[in-house]
Amino acid sequence: MRNCGWLVILALAGAASATAADWHPEKNIEVIVGTAPGSNQDAAARRVQKIWQDQKLLPVPQTIINKAGGGGEIGWIYLAQFAGDAHYISMTSPSMFSNQLLGKSRYTLADITPIALLVREYETFSVRPDHTIKSMGDLTDRLRKDPASVTFGFGVSVGNAQHVTGALYGKALGIDARKMKMVVFNASAEAMTAVMGGHVDVLITTPGGIDPLVQAGKLRVLGVAAPARLKGTLAATPTFREASVDIVFSNWNGVVGPKNMTAAQLSYWDSVFARTTVSAEWKKTASDLQQDATYLASRESKGFMEREREQYRDILTELGLAK
């Protein structure tokens, strides 16, 4: 009887362990987007949802929930209501760190659970075709002589990936990035118009938004902050490193969940996003948009986000912007 008792206990423990290791969603999945419909995050969320539906990767329905406002704060407030519930996940970007460091948000990495890094978009510097700055070398020379001699334009907020790219560039040149002229526009399209109109010298943005303008000869790309040259329209564009400026920097889209997610829940989402990002549709769209679709699972994405946060903290502190 004593042996039988132990067998029962071991069987129950094994059943509990199997259940804990085999989490799967049992109700509708909400994918939270802290920006308005049509934004980059929103578009990424809808591409993910389409692949899930086309390939039947989830056993339950999914809904995209736009919670725009407060620089993403409304979305974080909503996600925070569902601690430990993996039926709620959220798109994210570097603004998660910058807003907190700038004092615009109280939510940090401790308040969420990293799930995946989906794509990276390496930043570029562009000018109008007839600008006197013809190369990254020209830009470097002018900034070293006078950091305030070049005006950089970008959208849509102080401390974002574009702003940080410009500041990192100045820092790499050994100049005081606080002396550089940075103009923030309400939208990237406004910054593009200002550069093409000759009101601003250099546009800082990701490749996807400017590809048609480059093809039309309305913008000329000086360099891209990628580890290697991109393909397509920008195949002939040198990297920052080729121009002797050791910077690799990107905007990116990722996925997080609420805090207190379990290992079993993360294992489930790792499997889903691994299958999502190897699909031909995902890879083609990323290629068309000049995105680096190097997927990172939950453990690796956590490390990536922690490193990104510290890089943002360092440069925003140097700029005197961190709270």
Foldseek 3Di string as FASTA:
>chain_A
DVVVVVVVVVVVVVVVVVDQQADADDEEAEEEEQADPPDPQNVVVVLLQVLCVVVVLHPYHYYYHYNYDLLSQSRLVVQLVQAQDLSYKYKDWLSQQQCVQLVSHVDDCQFWFFFKFFWWFWKFKKAFPPDPQDAVLSVLVVCVVPQAPAAEEADDDPLHQQNLVQLLQCVLSVHQSLRHHYDYHNHRVVRLVCRLVVNHGIYMDTQLVCVVVVVVRGMDIRETLAPAFFDDSRNVHHHVVVVVRNGRGTITMGMIHGHPHDPSSSVSSQVSVVVSLVDPSNVVVCSNSRIGRDMDGRVVVVVVSVVSSVSSNVSCVSSVSGD
